[in-house]
PDB file of N, CA and C in Angstrom:
ATOM      1  N   MET A   1     103.396  51.170  53.893  1.00  0.00           N
ATOM      2  CA  MET A   1     103.797  49.712  53.875  1.00  0.00           C
ATOM      3  C   MET A   1     102.640  49.142  52.901  1.00  0.00           C
ATOM      4  N   ARG A   2     103.101  48.344  51.951  1.00  0.00           N
ATOM      5  CA  ARG A   2     102.324  47.642  50.999  1.00  0.00           C
ATOM      6  C   ARG A   2     101.635  46.548  51.766  1.00  0.00           C
ATOM      7  N   VAL A   3     100.452  46.188  51.229  1.00  0.00           N
ATOM      8  CA  VAL A   3      99.654  44.970  51.770  1.00  0.00           C
ATOM      9  C   VAL A   3      99.290  43.981  50.496  1.00  0.00           C
ATOM     10  N   GLU A   4      99.486  42.918  50.570  1.00  0.00           N
ATOM     11  CA  GLU A   4      99.151  41.971  49.425  1.00  0.00           C
ATOM     12  C   GLU A   4      98.553  40.736  49.980  1.00  0.00           C
ATOM     13  N   LEU A   5      97.575  40.385  49.316  1.00  0.00           N
ATOM     14  CA  LEU A   5      96.890  39.167  49.432  1.00  0.00           C
ATOM     15  C   LEU A   5      97.770  37.953  49.321  1.00  0.00           C
ATOM     16  N   VAL A   6      97.643  36.838  50.043  1.00  0.00           N
ATOM     17  CA  VAL A   6      98.383  35.582  50.113  1.00  0.00           C
ATOM     18  C   VAL A   6      98.277  34.930  48.553  1.00  0.00           C
ATOM     19  N   THR A   7      97.080  35.293  47.993  1.00  0.00           N
ATOM     20  CA  THR A   7      96.637  34.703  46.528  1.00  0.00           C
ATOM     21  C   THR A   7      97.756  35.417  45.513  1.00  0.00           C
ATOM     22  N   THR A   8      97.678  36.849  45.716  1.00  0.00           N
ATOM     23  CA  THR A   8      98.485  37.632  44.945  1.00  0.00           C
ATOM     24  C   THR A   8      99.962  37.429  44.947  1.00  0.00           C
ATOM     25  N   LEU A   9     100.514  37.017  46.239  1.00  0.00           N
ATOM     26  CA  LEU A   9     101.838  36.561  46.259  1.00  0.00           C
ATOM     27  C   LEU A   9     101.935  35.347  45.645  1.00  0.00           C
ATOM     28  N   LYS A  10     101.245  34.220  45.690  1.00  0.00           N
ATOM     29  CA  LYS A  10     101.288  33.012  44.916  1.00  0.00           C
ATOM     30  C   LYS A  10     101.314  33.305  43.435  1.00  0.00           C
ATOM     31  N   ARG A  11     100.683  34.229  43.072  1.00  0.00           N
ATOM     32  CA  ARG A  11     100.472  34.457  41.613  1.00  0.00           C
ATOM     33  C   ARG A  11     101.633  35.410  40.937  1.00  0.00           C
ATOM     34  N   GLN A  12     101.957  36.302  41.770  1.00  0.00           N
ATOM     35  CA  GLN A  12     102.916  37.449  41.455  1.00  0.00           C
ATOM     36  C   GLN A  12     104.243  37.621  42.277  1.00  0.00           C
ATOM     37  N   ALA A  13     104.647  36.332  42.620  1.00  0.00           N
ATOM     38  CA  ALA A  13     105.860  36.503  43.658  1.00  0.00           C
ATOM     39  C   ALA A  13     107.012  37.221  43.111  1.00  0.00           C
ATOM     40  N   THR A  14     107.275  36.668  41.815  1.00  0.00           N
ATOM     41  CA  THR A  14     108.624  37.439  41.196  1.00  0.00           C
ATOM     42  C   THR A  14     108.371  39.036  41.158  1.00  0.00           C
ATOM     43  N   ARG A  15     107.206  39.396  40.807  1.00  0.00           N
ATOM     44  CA  ARG A  15     107.038  40.843  40.751  1.00  0.00           C
ATOM     45  C   ARG A  15     107.059  41.529  42.143  1.00  0.00           C
ATOM     46  N   ILE A  16     106.356  40.937  42.942  1.00  0.00           N
ATOM     47  CA  ILE A  16     106.378  41.369  44.422  1.00  0.00           C
ATOM     48  C   ILE A  16     107.820  41.551  44.868  1.00  0.00           C
ATOM     49  N   LEU A  17     108.600  40.513  44.640  1.00  0.00           N
ATOM     50  CA  LEU A  17     109.965  40.426  45.266  1.00  0.00           C
ATOM     51  C   LEU A  17     110.954  41.349  44.575  1.00  0.00           C
ATOM     52  N   ALA A  18     110.571  41.680  43.230  1.00  0.00           N
ATOM     53  CA  ALA A  18     111.371  42.635  42.475  1.00  0.00           C
ATOM     54  C   ALA A  18     111.107  43.994  43.135  1.00  0.00           C
ATOM     55  N   ASP A  19     109.736  44.376  43.311  1.00  0.00           N
ATOM     56  CA  ASP A  19     109.478  45.625  43.947  1.00  0.00           C
ATOM     57  C   ASP A  19     110.147  45.814  45.284  1.00  0.00           C
ATOM     58  N   LEU A  20     110.094  44.875  45.978  1.00  0.00           N
ATOM     59  CA  LEU A  20     110.521  44.885  47.235  1.00  0.00           C
ATOM     60  C   LEU A  20     112.182  45.228  47.574  1.00  0.00           C
ATOM     61  N   HIS A  21     112.797  44.486  46.411  1.00  0.00           N
ATOM     62  CA  HIS A  21     114.219  44.755  46.348  1.00  0.00           C
ATOM     63  C   HIS A  21     114.448  46.019  46.110  1.00  0.00           C
ATOM     64  N   ILE A  22     113.616  46.802  45.042  1.00  0.00           N
ATOM     65  CA  ILE A  22     113.810  48.195  44.652  1.00  0.00           C
ATOM     66  C   ILE A  22     113.569  49.175  45.764  1.00  0.00           C
ATOM     67  N   SER A  23     112.136  48.975  46.216  1.00  0.00           N
ATOM     68  CA  SER A  23     111.652  50.050  47.021  1.00  0.00           C
ATOM     69  C   SER A  23     112.177  49.902  48.583  1.00  0.00           C
ATOM     70  N   LYS A  24     112.581  48.676  48.996  1.00  0.00           N
ATOM     71  CA  LYS A  24     113.074  48.224  50.410  1.00  0.00           C
ATOM     72  C   LYS A  24     111.836  48.324  51.267  1.00  0.00           C
ATOM     73  N   GLU A  25     110.496  48.482  50.970  1.00  0.00           N
ATOM     74  CA  GLU A  25     109.584  48.709  51.756  1.00  0.00           C
ATOM     75  C   GLU A  25     108.888  47.372  52.033  1.00  0.00           C
ATOM     76  N   PRO A  26     108.609  46.905  53.429  1.00  0.00           N
ATOM     77  CA  PRO A  26     108.200  45.725  53.756  1.00  0.00           C
ATOM     78  C   PRO A  26     106.832  45.618  53.180  1.00  0.00           C
ATOM     79  N   VAL A  27     106.477  44.261  52.790  1.00  0.00           N
ATOM     80  CA  VAL A  27     105.248  43.852  52.289  1.00  0.00           C
ATOM     81  C   VAL A  27     104.467  43.246  53.330  1.00  0.00           C
ATOM     82  N   LEU A  28     103.311  43.449  53.864  1.00  0.00           N
ATOM     83  CA  LEU A  28     102.429  42.738  54.776  1.00  0.00           C
ATOM     84  C   LEU A  28     101.591  41.649  53.821  1.00  0.00           C
ATOM     85  N   ILE A  29     101.660  40.369  54.214  1.00  0.00           N
ATOM     86  CA  ILE A  29     100.792  39.573  53.454  1.00  0.00           C
ATOM     87  C   ILE A  29      99.791  39.134  54.427  1.00  0.00           C
ATOM     88  N   THR A  30      98.468  39.086  53.655  1.00  0.00           N
ATOM     89  CA  THR A  30      97.222  38.897  54.472  1.00  0.00           C
ATOM     90  C   THR A  30      96.705  37.651  53.904  1.00  0.00           C
ATOM     91  N   GLU A  31      95.919  36.924  54.929  1.00  0.00           N
ATOM     92  CA  GLU A  31      95.098  35.726  54.587  1.00  0.00           C
ATOM     93  C   GLU A  31      93.976  35.769  55.187  1.00  0.00           C
ATOM     94  N   HIS A  32      92.886  35.650  54.323  1.00  0.00           N
ATOM     95  CA  HIS A  32      91.458  35.700  54.854  1.00  0.00           C
ATOM     96  C   HIS A  32      91.232  37.062  55.844  1.00  0.00           C
ATOM     97  N   GLY A  33      91.882  38.148  54.993  1.00  0.00           N
ATOM     98  CA  GLY A  33      91.682  39.616  55.655  1.00  0.00           C
ATOM     99  C   GLY A  33      92.572  39.770  56.876  1.00  0.00           C
ATOM    100  N   GLN A  34      93.342  38.819  57.350  1.00  0.00           N
ATOM    101  CA  GLN A  34      94.113  38.961  58.680  1.00  0.00           C
ATOM    102  C   GLN A  34      95.623  38.983  58.295  1.00  0.00           C
ATOM    103  N   PRO A  35      96.424  39.745  58.818  1.00  0.00           N
ATOM    104  CA  PRO A  35      97.828  39.660  58.805  1.00  0.00           C
ATOM    105  C   PRO A  35      98.472  38.424  59.026  1.00  0.00           C
ATOM    106  N   SER A  36      99.142  37.923  58.007  1.00  0.00           N
ATOM    107  CA  SER A  36      99.758  36.583  58.111  1.00  0.00           C
ATOM    108  C   SER A  36     101.278  36.615  58.146  1.00  0.00           C
ATOM    109  N   ALA A  37     101.993  37.323  57.538  1.00  0.00           N
ATOM    110  CA  ALA A  37     103.393  37.492  57.472  1.00  0.00           C
ATOM    111  C   ALA A  37     103.965  38.835  56.775  1.00  0.00           C
ATOM    112  N   TYR A  38     105.188  39.244  57.045  1.00  0.00           N
ATOM    113  CA  TYR A  38     105.894  40.187  56.383  1.00  0.00           C
ATOM    114  C   TYR A  38     106.911  39.753  55.504  1.00  0.00           C
ATOM    115  N   LEU A  39     107.049  40.443  54.326  1.00  0.00           N
ATOM    116  CA  LEU A  39     108.146  40.016  53.400  1.00  0.00           C
ATOM    117  C   LEU A  39     109.101  41.312  53.582  1.00  0.00           C
ATOM    118  N   VAL A  40     110.427  41.209  54.027  1.00  0.00           N
ATOM    119  CA  VAL A  40     111.453  42.237  54.043  1.00  0.00           C
ATOM    120  C   VAL A  40     112.497  41.763  53.433  1.00  0.00           C
ATOM    121  N   ASP A  41     113.321  42.954  52.878  1.00  0.00           N
ATOM    122  CA  ASP A  41     114.425  42.656  52.264  1.00  0.00           C
ATOM    123  C   ASP A  41     115.653  42.186  53.116  1.00  0.00           C
ATOM    124  N   VAL A  42     116.422  41.279  52.538  1.00  0.00           N
ATOM    125  CA  VAL A  42     117.319  40.445  53.309  1.00  0.00           C
ATOM    126  C   VAL A  42     118.251  41.387  54.120  1.00  0.00           C
ATOM    127  N   ASP A  43     118.884  42.419  53.387  1.00  0.00           N
ATOM    128  CA  ASP A  43     119.772  43.307  54.232  1.00  0.00           C
ATOM    129  C   ASP A  43     119.003  43.986  55.358  1.00  0.00           C
ATOM    130  N   ASP A  44     117.634  44.451  55.290  1.00  0.00           N
ATOM    131  CA  ASP A  44     117.044  45.018  56.261  1.00  0.00           C
ATOM    132  C   ASP A  44     116.710  44.083  57.424  1.00  0.00           C
ATOM    133  N   PHE A  45     116.404  42.826  57.188  1.00  0.00           N
ATOM    134  CA  PHE A  45     116.293  41.858  58.136  1.00  0.00           C
ATOM    135  C   PHE A  45     117.448  41.514  58.822  1.00  0.00           C
ATOM    136  N   GLU A  46     118.724  41.472  58.154  1.00  0.00           N
ATOM    137  CA  GLU A  46     119.959  41.200  59.025  1.00  0.00           C
ATOM    138  C   GLU A  46     120.118  42.453  59.809  1.00  0.00           C
ATOM    139  N   PHE A  47     119.989  43.520  59.439  1.00  0.00           N
ATOM    140  CA  PHE A  47     120.160  44.762  60.145  1.00  0.00           C
ATOM    141  C   PHE A  47     119.315  44.766  61.474  1.00  0.00           C
ATOM    142  N   MET A  48     117.968  44.298  61.250  1.00  0.00           N
ATOM    143  CA  MET A  48     116.953  44.233  62.248  1.00  0.00           C
ATOM    144  C   MET A  48     117.552  43.152  63.359  1.00  0.00           C
ATOM    145  N   GLN A  49     118.212  42.149  62.781  1.00  0.00           N
ATOM    146  CA  GLN A  49     118.652  40.978  63.673  1.00  0.00           C
ATOM    147  C   GLN A  49     119.799  41.554  64.433  1.00  0.00           C
ATOM    148  N   GLN A  50     120.726  42.320  63.847  1.00  0.00           N
ATOM    149  CA  GLN A  50     121.860  42.781  64.626  1.00  0.00           C
ATOM    150  C   GLN A  50     121.336  43.785  65.760  1.00  0.00           C
ATOM    151  N   ARG A  51     120.292  44.542  65.353  1.00  0.00           N
ATOM    152  CA  ARG A  51     119.810  45.532  66.388  1.00  0.00           C
ATOM    153  C   ARG A  51     119.306  44.745  67.612  1.00  0.00           C
ATOM    154  N   MET A  52     118.593  43.870  67.220  1.00  0.00           N
ATOM    155  CA  MET A  52     117.811  43.003  68.404  1.00  0.00           C
ATOM    156  C   MET A  52     118.922  42.402  69.186  1.00  0.00           C
ATOM    157  N   GLU A  53     119.971  41.767  68.623  1.00  0.00           N
ATOM    158  CA  GLU A  53     121.049  41.426  69.449  1.00  0.00           C
ATOM    159  C   GLU A  53     121.672  42.362  70.378  1.00  0.00           C
ATOM    160  N   LEU A  54     121.891  43.558  69.900  1.00  0.00           N
ATOM    161  CA  LEU A  54     122.413  44.634  70.586  1.00  0.00           C
ATOM    162  C   LEU A  54     121.408  44.983  71.754  1.00  0.00           C
ATOM    163  N   LEU A  55     120.160  45.118  71.503  1.00  0.00           N
ATOM    164  CA  LEU A  55     119.244  45.281  72.442  1.00  0.00           C
ATOM    165  C   LEU A  55     118.878  44.267  73.608  1.00  0.00           C
ATOM    166  N   GLU A  56     119.223  43.208  72.998  1.00  0.00           N
ATOM    167  CA  GLU A  56     119.112  41.985  74.149  1.00  0.00           C
ATOM    168  C   GLU A  56     120.226  42.132  75.026  1.00  0.00           C
ATOM    169  N   SER A  57     121.470  42.239  74.475  1.00  0.00           N
ATOM    170  CA  SER A  57     122.720  42.400  75.163  1.00  0.00           C
ATOM    171  C   SER A  57     122.520  43.687  76.225  1.00  0.00           C
ATOM    172  N   LEU A  58     121.960  44.738  75.872  1.00  0.00           N
ATOM    173  CA  LEU A  58     121.870  45.943  76.639  1.00  0.00           C
ATOM    174  C   LEU A  58     120.910  45.502  77.810  1.00  0.00           C
ATOM    175  N   ALA A  59     119.757  44.763  77.621  1.00  0.00           N
ATOM    176  CA  ALA A  59     118.914  44.387  78.551  1.00  0.00           C
ATOM    177  C   ALA A  59     119.487  43.424  79.466  1.00  0.00           C
ATOM    178  N   ARG A  60     120.336  42.325  79.171  1.00  0.00           N
ATOM    179  CA  ARG A  60     121.073  41.581  79.978  1.00  0.00           C
ATOM    180  C   ARG A  60     121.899  42.252  80.922  1.00  0.00           C
ATOM    181  N   GLY A  61     122.614  43.280  80.440  1.00  0.00           N
ATOM    182  CA  GLY A  61     123.675  44.190  81.206  1.00  0.00           C
ATOM    183  C   GLY A  61     122.791  44.936  82.275  1.00  0.00           C
ATOM    184  N   GLU A  62     121.686  45.450  81.998  1.00  0.00           N
ATOM    185  CA  GLU A  62     120.732  46.297  82.909  1.00  0.00           C
ATOM    186  C   GLU A  62     120.277  45.252  84.015  1.00  0.00           C
ATOM    187  N   GLN A  63     119.905  44.116  83.509  1.00  0.00           N
ATOM    188  CA  GLN A  63     119.484  43.034  84.574  1.00  0.00           C
ATOM    189  C   GLN A  63     120.608  42.846  85.490  1.00  0.00           C
ATOM    190  N   ALA A  64     121.905  42.558  85.018  1.00  0.00           N
ATOM    191  CA  ALA A  64     123.012  42.262  85.747  1.00  0.00           C
ATOM    192  C   ALA A  64     123.262  43.382  86.703  1.00  0.00           C
ATOM    193  N   ILE A  65     123.033  44.503  86.417  1.00  0.00           N
ATOM    194  CA  ILE A  65     123.320  45.679  87.271  1.00  0.00           C
ATOM    195  C   ILE A  65     122.181  45.771  88.567  1.00  0.00           C
ATOM    196  N   LYS A  66     120.936  45.404  88.131  1.00  0.00           N
ATOM    197  CA  LYS A  66     119.773  45.369  88.904  1.00  0.00           C
ATOM    198  C   LYS A  66     120.008  44.035  90.079  1.00  0.00           C
ATOM    199  N   ASP A  67     120.557  43.002  89.579  1.00  0.00           N
ATOM    200  CA  ASP A  67     120.918  41.901  90.475  1.00  0.00           C
ATOM    201  C   ASP A  67     122.366  42.148  91.142  1.00  0.00           C
ATOM    202  N   GLY A  68     122.939  43.062  91.020  1.00  0.00           N
ATOM    203  CA  GLY A  68     124.194  43.358  91.639  1.00  0.00           C
ATOM    204  C   GLY A  68     125.442  42.597  91.203  1.00  0.00           C
ATOM    205  N   HIS A  69     125.294  42.016  89.839  1.00  0.00           N
ATOM    206  CA  HIS A  69     126.551  41.462  89.322  1.00  0.00           C
ATOM    207  C   HIS A  69     127.523  42.537  88.628  1.00  0.00           C
ATOM    208  N   THR A  70     128.013  43.272  89.284  1.00  0.00           N
ATOM    209  CA  THR A  70     128.934  44.184  88.956  1.00  0.00           C
ATOM    210  C   THR A  70     130.345  44.128  89.376  1.00  0.00           C
ATOM    211  N   PHE A  71     131.235  44.813  88.714  1.00  0.00           N
ATOM    212  CA  PHE A  71     132.685  44.825  89.229  1.00  0.00           C
ATOM    213  C   PHE A  71     133.169  45.964  89.392  1.00  0.00           C
ATOM    214  N   SER A  72     134.103  46.455  90.343  1.00  0.00           N
ATOM    215  CA  SER A  72     134.725  47.727  90.351  1.00  0.00           C
ATOM    216  C   SER A  72     135.541  47.939  89.320  1.00  0.00           C
ATOM    217  N   ASN A  73     136.058  49.197  89.041  1.00  0.00           N
ATOM    218  CA  ASN A  73     136.929  49.328  87.850  1.00  0.00           C
ATOM    219  C   ASN A  73     138.358  48.606  88.071  1.00  0.00           C
ATOM    220  N   GLU A  74     138.794  48.420  89.179  1.00  0.00           N
ATOM    221  CA  GLU A  74     140.044  47.569  89.349  1.00  0.00           C
ATOM    222  C   GLU A  74     139.799  46.264  88.968  1.00  0.00           C
ATOM    223  N   GLN A  75     138.595  45.673  89.575  1.00  0.00           N
ATOM    224  CA  GLN A  75     138.173  44.214  89.259  1.00  0.00           C
ATOM    225  C   GLN A  75     138.135  43.907  87.717  1.00  0.00           C
ATOM    226  N   ALA A  76     137.506  45.031  87.039  1.00  0.00           N
ATOM    227  CA  ALA A  76     137.160  44.899  85.654  1.00  0.00           C
ATOM    228  C   ALA A  76     138.579  44.802  84.911  1.00  0.00           C
ATOM    229  N   LYS A  77     139.523  45.833  85.272  1.00  0.00           N
ATOM    230  CA  LYS A  77     140.691  45.722  84.603  1.00  0.00           C
ATOM    231  C   LYS A  77     141.617  44.578  84.822  1.00  0.00           C
ATOM    232  N   LYS A  78     141.465  43.922  85.866  1.00  0.00           N
ATOM    233  CA  LYS A  78     142.227  42.521  86.112  1.00  0.00           C
ATOM    234  C   LYS A  78     141.568  41.573  85.233  1.00  0.00           C
ATOM    235  N   LYS A  79     140.171  41.481  85.156  1.00  0.00           N
ATOM    236  CA  LYS A  79     139.644  40.462  84.266  1.00  0.00           C
ATOM    237  C   LYS A  79     139.914  40.716  82.828  1.00  0.00           C
ATOM    238  N   MET A  80     140.117  41.960  82.485  1.00  0.00           N
ATOM    239  CA  MET A  80     140.358  42.383  81.144  1.00  0.00           C
ATOM    240  C   MET A  80     141.596  42.499  80.782  1.00  0.00           C
ATOM    241  N   LYS A  81     142.647  42.294  81.537  1.00  0.00           N
ATOM    242  CA  LYS A  81     143.931  42.416  81.380  1.00  0.00           C
ATOM    243  C   LYS A  81     144.485  41.725  79.994  1.00  0.00           C
ATOM    244  N   LYS A  82     144.156  40.563  79.930  1.00  0.00           N
ATOM    245  CA  LYS A  82     144.563  39.856  78.828  1.00  0.00           C
ATOM    246  C   LYS A  82     144.118  40.486  77.445  1.00  0.00           C
ATOM    247  N   TRP A  83     143.100  41.079  77.385  1.00  0.00           N
ATOM    248  CA  TRP A  83     142.758  41.798  76.342  1.00  0.00           C
ATOM    249  C   TRP A  83     143.030  43.222  76.019  1.00  0.00           C
ATOM    250  N   LEU A  84     143.517  43.710  77.213  1.00  0.00           N
ATOM    251  CA  LEU A  84     143.960  45.215  77.160  1.00  0.00           C
ATOM    252  C   LEU A  84     145.394  45.300  77.098  1.00  0.00           C
ATOM    253  N   LYS A  85     146.200  44.561  76.294  1.00  0.00           N
ATOM    254  CA  LYS A  85     147.694  44.648  76.245  1.00  0.00           C
ATOM    255  C   LYS A  85     148.000  45.967  75.265  1.00  0.00           C
TER     256      LYS A  85
END
């Protein structure tokens, strides 16, 4: 992963973004020697967002099972009947 100073980003944003689009490698931006932000390619960011939504859905499903919010196969078929034509 590349690391760039925030001052370098200010001065060379066009070059850094061009490199990012070519390499697809995230860039860590530091401020006063501390991590401040990541620059990531748009496609990679959208992919990560989709993956996060899927993981959150799985976590909700696991919690529903733990809480006993489940249906039998027959109950599920009845609820899904309008979509399973």
